[in-house]
Protein backbone atom coordinates (compact mmCIF):
# COMPACT_ATOMS: atom_id res chain seq x y z
CA MET A 1 70.32 -81.78 138.60
CA ALA A 2 68.70 -80.48 135.40
CA SER A 3 70.10 -81.02 131.92
CA PHE A 4 69.45 -79.99 128.33
CA LYS A 5 70.87 -80.68 124.87
CA CYS A 6 70.33 -78.57 121.75
CA ALA A 7 70.03 -81.90 119.92
CA ASP A 8 66.84 -82.57 121.94
CA LEU A 9 65.28 -79.79 119.86
CA GLY A 10 66.49 -81.36 116.62
CA MET A 11 69.40 -78.98 116.18
CA ALA A 12 72.71 -80.16 114.76
CA CYS A 13 74.56 -78.81 117.79
CA GLY A 14 76.57 -80.62 120.42
CA PHE A 15 75.86 -78.11 123.20
CA GLU A 16 74.79 -79.64 126.49
CA VAL A 17 73.93 -78.32 129.95
CA LYS A 18 74.60 -80.77 132.78
CA GLY A 19 74.29 -80.34 136.51
CA ALA A 20 72.16 -77.19 136.52
CA LYS A 21 70.21 -76.74 139.76
CA ASP A 22 66.87 -76.28 137.97
CA ALA A 23 65.14 -75.40 134.69
CA ASN A 24 65.68 -71.68 135.28
CA GLU A 25 69.44 -72.16 135.46
CA VAL A 26 69.29 -74.31 132.31
CA LEU A 27 67.42 -71.51 130.52
CA ALA A 28 69.96 -68.90 131.58
CA ILE A 29 72.86 -71.02 130.35
CA ALA A 30 71.03 -71.97 127.15
CA ALA A 31 70.17 -68.31 126.47
CA ALA A 32 73.84 -67.33 126.69
CA HIS A 33 74.71 -70.21 124.34
CA ALA A 34 71.93 -69.24 121.90
CA LYS A 35 73.29 -65.70 121.75
CA THR A 36 76.91 -66.64 121.12
CA SER A 37 76.48 -69.75 118.98
CA HIS A 38 73.15 -69.37 117.19
CA ASN A 39 72.84 -65.55 116.91
CA ILE A 40 69.61 -65.60 118.93
CA ALA A 41 69.95 -62.57 121.18
CA ASN A 42 66.44 -62.77 122.64
CA PRO A 43 64.96 -66.28 122.45
CA PRO A 44 61.27 -66.05 121.53
CA ALA A 45 58.66 -67.40 123.94
CA ASP A 46 57.96 -70.47 121.80
CA LEU A 47 61.64 -71.45 121.89
CA VAL A 48 61.76 -71.02 125.67
CA THR A 49 58.66 -73.23 125.94
CA LYS A 50 60.29 -75.89 123.75
CA ILE A 51 63.47 -75.81 125.84
CA ARG A 52 61.46 -76.14 129.09
CA SER A 53 59.62 -79.12 127.61
CA VAL A 54 62.84 -81.08 127.02
CA VAL A 55 64.78 -80.15 130.19
CA LYS A 56 65.47 -83.31 132.13
CA PRO A 57 65.30 -83.03 135.93
């Protein structure tokens, strides 16, 4: 199961994804969180790359 924490990107945010089936599911969940909590409606490619780099399998 894949996981991700905003804190892994150095953000002062307690958001965490646990138990996602893969990195794509993590990205979908993180994108929804970014929109509602960080006012990032369309995460730029460099942010998506950074998220992918810290997703734990």
